[in-house]
PDB file of N, CA and C in Angstrom:
ATOM      1  N   GLY A   1     118.848 108.376  95.052  1.00  0.00           N
ATOM      2  CA  GLY A   1     119.029 107.090  95.662  1.00  0.00           C
ATOM      3  C   GLY A   1     117.746 106.282  95.647  1.00  0.00           C
ATOM      4  N   LEU A   2     117.751 105.257  96.435  1.00  0.00           N
ATOM      5  CA  LEU A   2     116.606 104.347  96.486  1.00  0.00           C
ATOM      6  C   LEU A   2     115.621 104.688  97.600  1.00  0.00           C
ATOM      7  N   SER A   3     115.822 105.803  98.292  1.00  0.00           N
ATOM      8  CA  SER A   3     114.972 106.110  99.443  1.00  0.00           C
ATOM      9  C   SER A   3     113.499 106.261  99.071  1.00  0.00           C
ATOM     10  N   HIS A   4     113.215 106.654  97.853  1.00  0.00           N
ATOM     11  CA  HIS A   4     111.829 106.847  97.440  1.00  0.00           C
ATOM     12  C   HIS A   4     111.186 105.588  96.856  1.00  0.00           C
ATOM     13  N   LEU A   5     111.947 104.533  96.697  1.00  0.00           N
ATOM     14  CA  LEU A   5     111.466 103.357  95.977  1.00  0.00           C
ATOM     15  C   LEU A   5     110.215 102.743  96.606  1.00  0.00           C
ATOM     16  N   GLY A   6     110.164 102.672  97.932  1.00  0.00           N
ATOM     17  CA  GLY A   6     108.988 102.103  98.594  1.00  0.00           C
ATOM     18  C   GLY A   6     107.727 102.900  98.310  1.00  0.00           C
ATOM     19  N   ASP A   7     107.820 104.231  98.398  1.00  0.00           N
ATOM     20  CA  ASP A   7     106.662 105.080  98.096  1.00  0.00           C
ATOM     21  C   ASP A   7     106.245 104.932  96.645  1.00  0.00           C
ATOM     22  N   TYR A   8     107.219 104.887  95.781  1.00  0.00           N
ATOM     23  CA  TYR A   8     106.952 104.747  94.344  1.00  0.00           C
ATOM     24  C   TYR A   8     106.217 103.438  94.068  1.00  0.00           C
ATOM     25  N   GLU A   9     106.730 102.341  94.622  1.00  0.00           N
ATOM     26  CA  GLU A   9     106.089 101.046  94.398  1.00  0.00           C
ATOM     27  C   GLU A   9     104.691 100.993  95.006  1.00  0.00           C
ATOM     28  N   ALA A  10     104.536 101.586  96.189  1.00  0.00           N
ATOM     29  CA  ALA A  10     103.210 101.584  96.816  1.00  0.00           C
ATOM     30  C   ALA A  10     102.211 102.362  95.966  1.00  0.00           C
ATOM     31  N   THR A  11     102.647 103.483  95.422  1.00  0.00           N
ATOM     32  CA  THR A  11     101.755 104.284  94.585  1.00  0.00           C
ATOM     33  C   THR A  11     101.354 103.516  93.338  1.00  0.00           C
ATOM     34  N   LEU A  12     102.293 102.813  92.741  1.00  0.00           N
ATOM     35  CA  LEU A  12     102.004 102.104  91.499  1.00  0.00           C
ATOM     36  C   LEU A  12     101.225 100.817  91.690  1.00  0.00           C
ATOM     37  N   PHE A  13     101.581 100.057  92.708  1.00  0.00           N
ATOM     38  CA  PHE A  13     101.092  98.683  92.790  1.00  0.00           C
ATOM     39  C   PHE A  13     100.072  98.410  93.894  1.00  0.00           C
ATOM     40  N   SER A  14      99.999  99.258  94.898  1.00  0.00           N
ATOM     41  CA  SER A  14      99.120  98.971  96.022  1.00  0.00           C
ATOM     42  C   SER A  14      97.681  99.363  95.719  1.00  0.00           C
ATOM     43  N   PRO A  15      96.749  98.464  95.978  1.00  0.00           N
ATOM     44  CA  PRO A  15      95.337  98.822  95.806  1.00  0.00           C
ATOM     45  C   PRO A  15      94.877  99.811  96.885  1.00  0.00           C
ATOM     46  N   TYR A  16      95.715 100.080  97.885  1.00  0.00           N
ATOM     47  CA  TYR A  16      95.375 100.999  98.971  1.00  0.00           C
ATOM     48  C   TYR A  16      95.931 102.405  98.752  1.00  0.00           C
ATOM     49  N   SER A  17      96.652 102.622  97.661  1.00  0.00           N
ATOM     50  CA  SER A  17      97.236 103.927  97.374  1.00  0.00           C
ATOM     51  C   SER A  17      96.154 104.911  96.936  1.00  0.00           C
ATOM     52  N   HIS A  18      96.065 106.016  97.645  1.00  0.00           N
ATOM     53  CA  HIS A  18      95.085 107.040  97.285  1.00  0.00           C
ATOM     54  C   HIS A  18      95.418 107.671  95.936  1.00  0.00           C
ATOM     55  N   ASN A  19      96.712 107.879  95.653  1.00  0.00           N
ATOM     56  CA  ASN A  19      97.091 108.452  94.368  1.00  0.00           C
ATOM     57  C   ASN A  19      96.711 107.524  93.217  1.00  0.00           C
ATOM     58  N   ARG A  20      96.944 106.246  93.405  1.00  0.00           N
ATOM     59  CA  ARG A  20      96.577 105.288  92.358  1.00  0.00           C
ATOM     60  C   ARG A  20      95.061 105.266  92.165  1.00  0.00           C
ATOM     61  N   ALA A  21      94.331 105.209  93.278  1.00  0.00           N
ATOM     62  CA  ALA A  21      92.871 105.182  93.194  1.00  0.00           C
ATOM     63  C   ALA A  21      92.342 106.452  92.534  1.00  0.00           C
ATOM     64  N   TYR A  22      92.937 107.597  92.865  1.00  0.00           N
ATOM     65  CA  TYR A  22      92.525 108.853  92.240  1.00  0.00           C
ATOM     66  C   TYR A  22      92.761 108.792  90.728  1.00  0.00           C
ATOM     67  N   GLY A  23      93.942 108.340  90.328  1.00  0.00           N
ATOM     68  CA  GLY A  23      94.272 108.247  88.909  1.00  0.00           C
ATOM     69  C   GLY A  23      93.352 107.316  88.161  1.00  0.00           C
ATOM     70  N   GLU A  24      93.014 106.194  88.766  1.00  0.00           N
ATOM     71  CA  GLU A  24      92.102 105.258  88.115  1.00  0.00           C
ATOM     72  C   GLU A  24      90.706 105.867  87.966  1.00  0.00           C
ATOM     73  N   CYS A  25      90.246 106.569  88.999  1.00  0.00           N
ATOM     74  CA  CYS A  25      88.942 107.235  88.912  1.00  0.00           C
ATOM     75  C   CYS A  25      88.979 108.338  87.863  1.00  0.00           C
ATOM     76  N   LEU A  26      90.050 109.094  87.827  1.00  0.00           N
ATOM     77  CA  LEU A  26      90.196 110.161  86.842  1.00  0.00           C
ATOM     78  C   LEU A  26      90.114 109.598  85.424  1.00  0.00           C
ATOM     79  N   ALA A  27      90.801 108.486  85.202  1.00  0.00           N
ATOM     80  CA  ALA A  27      90.812 107.866  83.871  1.00  0.00           C
ATOM     81  C   ALA A  27      89.429 107.343  83.480  1.00  0.00           C
ATOM     82  N   ARG A  28      88.643 106.918  84.468  1.00  0.00           N
ATOM     83  CA  ARG A  28      87.292 106.413  84.191  1.00  0.00           C
ATOM     84  C   ARG A  28      86.247 107.530  84.167  1.00  0.00           C
ATOM     85  N   GLY A  29      86.667 108.754  84.514  1.00  0.00           N
ATOM     86  CA  GLY A  29      85.736 109.870  84.562  1.00  0.00           C
ATOM     87  C   GLY A  29      84.872 109.886  85.806  1.00  0.00           C
ATOM     88  N   GLU A  30      85.346 109.226  86.855  1.00  0.00           N
ATOM     89  CA  GLU A  30      84.606 109.155  88.116  1.00  0.00           C
ATOM     90  C   GLU A  30      85.195 110.125  89.140  1.00  0.00           C
ATOM     91  N   GLN A  31      84.391 110.475  90.124  1.00  0.00           N
ATOM     92  CA  GLN A  31      84.849 111.337  91.214  1.00  0.00           C
ATOM     93  C   GLN A  31      85.603 110.504  92.241  1.00  0.00           C
ATOM     94  N   TYR A  32      86.604 111.122  92.861  1.00  0.00           N
ATOM     95  CA  TYR A  32      87.345 110.486  93.957  1.00  0.00           C
ATOM     96  C   TYR A  32      87.296 111.453  95.120  1.00  0.00           C
ATOM     97  N   THR A  33      86.750 111.029  96.248  1.00  0.00           N
ATOM     98  CA  THR A  33      86.507 111.946  97.362  1.00  0.00           C
ATOM     99  C   THR A  33      87.568 111.884  98.464  1.00  0.00           C
ATOM    100  N   GLU A  34      88.464 110.924  98.400  1.00  0.00           N
ATOM    101  CA  GLU A  34      89.521 110.822  99.415  1.00  0.00           C
ATOM    102  C   GLU A  34      90.677 111.757  99.064  1.00  0.00           C
ATOM    103  N   LEU A  35      91.566 111.951 100.023  1.00  0.00           N
ATOM    104  CA  LEU A  35      92.753 112.769  99.794  1.00  0.00           C
ATOM    105  C   LEU A  35      93.721 112.029  98.878  1.00  0.00           C
ATOM    106  N   ALA A  36      94.153 112.683  97.833  1.00  0.00           N
ATOM    107  CA  ALA A  36      95.204 112.173  96.949  1.00  0.00           C
ATOM    108  C   ALA A  36      96.234 113.290  96.843  1.00  0.00           C
ATOM    109  N   GLU A  37      97.293 113.184  97.625  1.00  0.00           N
ATOM    110  CA  GLU A  37      98.260 114.283  97.730  1.00  0.00           C
ATOM    111  C   GLU A  37      98.916 114.621  96.398  1.00  0.00           C
ATOM    112  N   GLY A  38      98.944 113.693  95.470  1.00  0.00           N
ATOM    113  CA  GLY A  38      99.532 113.954  94.169  1.00  0.00           C
ATOM    114  C   GLY A  38      98.803 115.053  93.407  1.00  0.00           C
ATOM    115  N   LYS A  39      97.514 115.208  93.643  1.00  0.00           N
ATOM    116  CA  LYS A  39      96.733 116.245  92.957  1.00  0.00           C
ATOM    117  C   LYS A  39      97.210 117.630  93.392  1.00  0.00           C
ATOM    118  N   ALA A  40      97.337 117.843  94.681  1.00  0.00           N
ATOM    119  CA  ALA A  40      97.825 119.131  95.186  1.00  0.00           C
ATOM    120  C   ALA A  40      99.285 119.349  94.800  1.00  0.00           C
ATOM    121  N   THR A  41     100.055 118.273  94.782  1.00  0.00           N
ATOM    122  CA  THR A  41     101.460 118.378  94.404  1.00  0.00           C
ATOM    123  C   THR A  41     101.596 118.820  92.955  1.00  0.00           C
ATOM    124  N   CYS A  42     100.758 118.304  92.085  1.00  0.00           N
ATOM    125  CA  CYS A  42     100.795 118.699  90.678  1.00  0.00           C
ATOM    126  C   CYS A  42     100.530 120.194  90.537  1.00  0.00           C
ATOM    127  N   LYS A  43      99.565 120.708  91.292  1.00  0.00           N
ATOM    128  CA  LYS A  43      99.261 122.133  91.242  1.00  0.00           C
ATOM    129  C   LYS A  43     100.462 122.950  91.710  1.00  0.00           C
ATOM    130  N   ALA A  44     101.103 122.525  92.799  1.00  0.00           N
ATOM    131  CA  ALA A  44     102.273 123.231  93.322  1.00  0.00           C
ATOM    132  C   ALA A  44     103.442 123.186  92.333  1.00  0.00           C
ATOM    133  N   ILE A  45     103.633 122.050  91.684  1.00  0.00           N
ATOM    134  CA  ILE A  45     104.707 121.922  90.694  1.00  0.00           C
ATOM    135  C   ILE A  45     104.487 122.886  89.541  1.00  0.00           C
ATOM    136  N   MET A  46     103.258 123.046  89.106  1.00  0.00           N
ATOM    137  CA  MET A  46     102.998 123.955  87.995  1.00  0.00           C
ATOM    138  C   MET A  46     103.248 125.407  88.391  1.00  0.00           C
ATOM    139  N   VAL A  47     102.969 125.765  89.636  1.00  0.00           N
ATOM    140  CA  VAL A  47     103.283 127.112  90.116  1.00  0.00           C
ATOM    141  C   VAL A  47     104.795 127.313  90.104  1.00  0.00           C
ATOM    142  N   LEU A  48     105.527 126.347  90.645  1.00  0.00           N
ATOM    143  CA  LEU A  48     106.990 126.447  90.677  1.00  0.00           C
ATOM    144  C   LEU A  48     107.590 126.450  89.272  1.00  0.00           C
ATOM    145  N   SER A  49     107.030 125.673  88.372  1.00  0.00           N
ATOM    146  CA  SER A  49     107.571 125.639  87.016  1.00  0.00           C
ATOM    147  C   SER A  49     107.390 126.992  86.331  1.00  0.00           C
ATOM    148  N   ALA A  50     106.291 127.671  86.612  1.00  0.00           N
ATOM    149  CA  ALA A  50     106.072 129.001  86.038  1.00  0.00           C
ATOM    150  C   ALA A  50     107.021 130.025  86.649  1.00  0.00           C
ATOM    151  N   VAL A  51     107.209 129.957  87.951  1.00  0.00           N
ATOM    152  CA  VAL A  51     108.102 130.894  88.643  1.00  0.00           C
ATOM    153  C   VAL A  51     109.541 130.744  88.159  1.00  0.00           C
ATOM    154  N   HIS A  52     109.977 129.505  87.964  1.00  0.00           N
ATOM    155  CA  HIS A  52     111.371 129.225  87.603  1.00  0.00           C
ATOM    156  C   HIS A  52     111.566 128.962  86.109  1.00  0.00           C
ATOM    157  N   ASP A  53     110.520 129.134  85.322  1.00  0.00           N
ATOM    158  CA  ASP A  53     110.572 128.957  83.872  1.00  0.00           C
ATOM    159  C   ASP A  53     111.157 127.597  83.477  1.00  0.00           C
ATOM    160  N   VAL A  54     110.568 126.543  84.051  1.00  0.00           N
ATOM    161  CA  VAL A  54     110.982 125.170  83.772  1.00  0.00           C
ATOM    162  C   VAL A  54     109.820 124.454  83.090  1.00  0.00           C
ATOM    163  N   GLU A  55     110.097 123.859  81.954  1.00  0.00           N
ATOM    164  CA  GLU A  55     109.072 123.132  81.224  1.00  0.00           C
ATOM    165  C   GLU A  55     108.794 121.796  81.910  1.00  0.00           C
ATOM    166  N   MET A  56     107.533 121.518  82.181  1.00  0.00           N
ATOM    167  CA  MET A  56     107.117 120.278  82.839  1.00  0.00           C
ATOM    168  C   MET A  56     105.951 119.688  82.039  1.00  0.00           C
ATOM    169  N   PRO A  57     106.236 119.073  80.885  1.00  0.00           N
ATOM    170  CA  PRO A  57     105.149 118.644  79.999  1.00  0.00           C
ATOM    171  C   PRO A  57     104.215 117.592  80.591  1.00  0.00           C
ATOM    172  N   ILE A  58     104.738 116.637  81.328  1.00  0.00           N
ATOM    173  CA  ILE A  58     103.860 115.596  81.890  1.00  0.00           C
ATOM    174  C   ILE A  58     102.986 116.188  82.978  1.00  0.00           C
ATOM    175  N   CYS A  59     103.586 116.956  83.883  1.00  0.00           N
ATOM    176  CA  CYS A  59     102.793 117.603  84.932  1.00  0.00           C
ATOM    177  C   CYS A  59     101.793 118.584  84.331  1.00  0.00           C
ATOM    178  N   GLY A  60     102.208 119.288  83.283  1.00  0.00           N
ATOM    179  CA  GLY A  60     101.305 120.225  82.626  1.00  0.00           C
ATOM    180  C   GLY A  60     100.100 119.521  82.024  1.00  0.00           C
ATOM    181  N   ALA A  61     100.337 118.375  81.406  1.00  0.00           N
ATOM    182  CA  ALA A  61      99.234 117.603  80.831  1.00  0.00           C
ATOM    183  C   ALA A  61      98.294 117.110  81.932  1.00  0.00           C
ATOM    184  N   LEU A  62      98.881 116.597  83.010  1.00  0.00           N
ATOM    185  CA  LEU A  62      98.052 116.137  84.132  1.00  0.00           C
ATOM    186  C   LEU A  62      97.260 117.283  84.744  1.00  0.00           C
ATOM    187  N   TYR A  63      97.898 118.430  84.877  1.00  0.00           N
ATOM    188  CA  TYR A  63      97.217 119.606  85.425  1.00  0.00           C
ATOM    189  C   TYR A  63      95.995 119.957  84.570  1.00  0.00           C
ATOM    190  N   GLU A  64      96.178 119.977  83.266  1.00  0.00           N
ATOM    191  CA  GLU A  64      95.068 120.313  82.366  1.00  0.00           C
ATOM    192  C   GLU A  64      93.925 119.313  82.502  1.00  0.00           C
ATOM    193  N   VAL A  65      94.256 118.044  82.651  1.00  0.00           N
ATOM    194  CA  VAL A  65      93.227 117.009  82.806  1.00  0.00           C
ATOM    195  C   VAL A  65      92.525 117.153  84.162  1.00  0.00           C
ATOM    196  N   MET A  66      93.316 117.307  85.232  1.00  0.00           N
ATOM    197  CA  MET A  66      92.742 117.340  86.579  1.00  0.00           C
ATOM    198  C   MET A  66      91.965 118.614  86.879  1.00  0.00           C
ATOM    199  N   PHE A  67      92.469 119.756  86.443  1.00  0.00           N
ATOM    200  CA  PHE A  67      91.887 121.018  86.873  1.00  0.00           C
ATOM    201  C   PHE A  67      91.108 121.768  85.787  1.00  0.00           C
ATOM    202  N   ASN A  68      91.329 121.438  84.533  1.00  0.00           N
ATOM    203  CA  ASN A  68      90.659 122.155  83.455  1.00  0.00           C
ATOM    204  C   ASN A  68      89.784 121.271  82.588  1.00  0.00           C
ATOM    205  N   GLY A  69      89.626 119.999  82.978  1.00  0.00           N
ATOM    206  CA  GLY A  69      88.733 119.101  82.257  1.00  0.00           C
ATOM    207  C   GLY A  69      89.211 118.691  80.876  1.00  0.00           C
ATOM    208  N   TYR A  70      90.517 118.807  80.629  1.00  0.00           N
ATOM    209  CA  TYR A  70      91.061 118.418  79.328  1.00  0.00           C
ATOM    210  C   TYR A  70      90.938 116.915  79.156  1.00  0.00           C
ATOM    211  N   ASP A  71      90.697 116.460  77.953  1.00  0.00           N
ATOM    212  CA  ASP A  71      90.519 115.038  77.677  1.00  0.00           C
ATOM    213  C   ASP A  71      91.826 114.269  77.918  1.00  0.00           C
ATOM    214  N   LEU A  72      91.744 113.222  78.719  1.00  0.00           N
ATOM    215  CA  LEU A  72      92.925 112.450  79.095  1.00  0.00           C
ATOM    216  C   LEU A  72      93.612 111.814  77.893  1.00  0.00           C
ATOM    217  N   LYS A  73      92.857 111.178  77.028  1.00  0.00           N
ATOM    218  CA  LYS A  73      93.466 110.513  75.867  1.00  0.00           C
ATOM    219  C   LYS A  73      94.129 111.521  74.935  1.00  0.00           C
ATOM    220  N   THR A  74      93.530 112.672  74.779  1.00  0.00           N
ATOM    221  CA  THR A  74      94.129 113.720  73.953  1.00  0.00           C
ATOM    222  C   THR A  74      95.434 114.203  74.574  1.00  0.00           C
ATOM    223  N   ALA A  75      95.428 114.394  75.889  1.00  0.00           N
ATOM    224  CA  ALA A  75      96.629 114.861  76.584  1.00  0.00           C
ATOM    225  C   ALA A  75      97.777 113.865  76.437  1.00  0.00           C
ATOM    226  N   ILE A  76      97.477 112.583  76.583  1.00  0.00           N
ATOM    227  CA  ILE A  76      98.509 111.552  76.426  1.00  0.00           C
ATOM    228  C   ILE A  76      99.029 111.546  74.999  1.00  0.00           C
ATOM    229  N   GLY A  77      98.135 111.617  74.029  1.00  0.00           N
ATOM    230  CA  GLY A  77      98.541 111.642  72.628  1.00  0.00           C
ATOM    231  C   GLY A  77      99.442 112.816  72.310  1.00  0.00           C
ATOM    232  N   GLU A  78      99.131 113.980  72.870  1.00  0.00           N
ATOM    233  CA  GLU A  78      99.954 115.164  72.628  1.00  0.00           C
ATOM    234  C   GLU A  78     101.355 115.013  73.214  1.00  0.00           C
ATOM    235  N   LEU A  79     101.467 114.317  74.329  1.00  0.00           N
ATOM    236  CA  LEU A  79     102.800 114.081  74.905  1.00  0.00           C
ATOM    237  C   LEU A  79     103.658 113.256  73.951  1.00  0.00           C
ATOM    238  N   PHE A  80     103.056 112.288  73.286  1.00  0.00           N
ATOM    239  CA  PHE A  80     103.813 111.444  72.359  1.00  0.00           C
ATOM    240  C   PHE A  80     104.146 112.159  71.052  1.00  0.00           C
ATOM    241  N   LEU A  81     103.497 113.270  70.792  1.00  0.00           N
ATOM    242  CA  LEU A  81     103.776 114.035  69.586  1.00  0.00           C
ATOM    243  C   LEU A  81     104.894 115.069  69.766  1.00  0.00           C
ATOM    244  N   ARG A  82     105.350 115.215  70.988  1.00  0.00           N
ATOM    245  CA  ARG A  82     106.420 116.192  71.255  1.00  0.00           C
ATOM    246  C   ARG A  82     107.692 115.791  70.522  1.00  0.00           C
ATOM    247  N   ASP A  83     108.454 116.798  70.118  1.00  0.00           N
ATOM    248  CA  ASP A  83     109.736 116.545  69.458  1.00  0.00           C
ATOM    249  C   ASP A  83     110.692 115.878  70.429  1.00  0.00           C
ATOM    250  N   ILE A  84     111.483 114.962  69.904  1.00  0.00           N
ATOM    251  CA  ILE A  84     112.533 114.330  70.706  1.00  0.00           C
ATOM    252  C   ILE A  84     113.671 115.324  70.838  1.00  0.00           C
ATOM    253  N   LYS A  85     114.179 115.467  72.057  1.00  0.00           N
ATOM    254  CA  LYS A  85     115.278 116.395  72.272  1.00  0.00           C
ATOM    255  C   LYS A  85     116.147 115.897  73.405  1.00  0.00           C
ATOM    256  N   LYS A  86     117.332 116.403  73.459  1.00  0.00           N
ATOM    257  CA  LYS A  86     118.256 116.052  74.537  1.00  0.00           C
ATOM    258  C   LYS A  86     117.782 116.731  75.811  1.00  0.00           C
ATOM    259  N   GLU A  87     117.644 115.969  76.881  1.00  0.00           N
ATOM    260  CA  GLU A  87     117.124 116.499  78.133  1.00  0.00           C
ATOM    261  C   GLU A  87     118.205 117.158  78.997  1.00  0.00           C
ATOM    262  N   PHE A  88     119.420 116.675  78.888  1.00  0.00           N
ATOM    263  CA  PHE A  88     120.496 117.230  79.731  1.00  0.00           C
ATOM    264  C   PHE A  88     121.613 117.725  78.876  1.00  0.00           C
TER     265      PHE A  88
END
């Protein structure tokens, strides 16, 4: 439903969003010292994806960038190189 729409828009468009600020700092190679709950959520999603054997390519790419120092532009490029497949 639309219950998440406000949070989604705030994350994307608000200059006060910690997740947005974290992402912008990450892309610039800068440190972000405030809480950005999306970072911890990404780590938890990757644990759950491994436990339940669910492929999560976008979260996996973000995880590699955030926690393993993988190059952001390379990670994005690799996502676009994935084979097209039916999702459902």
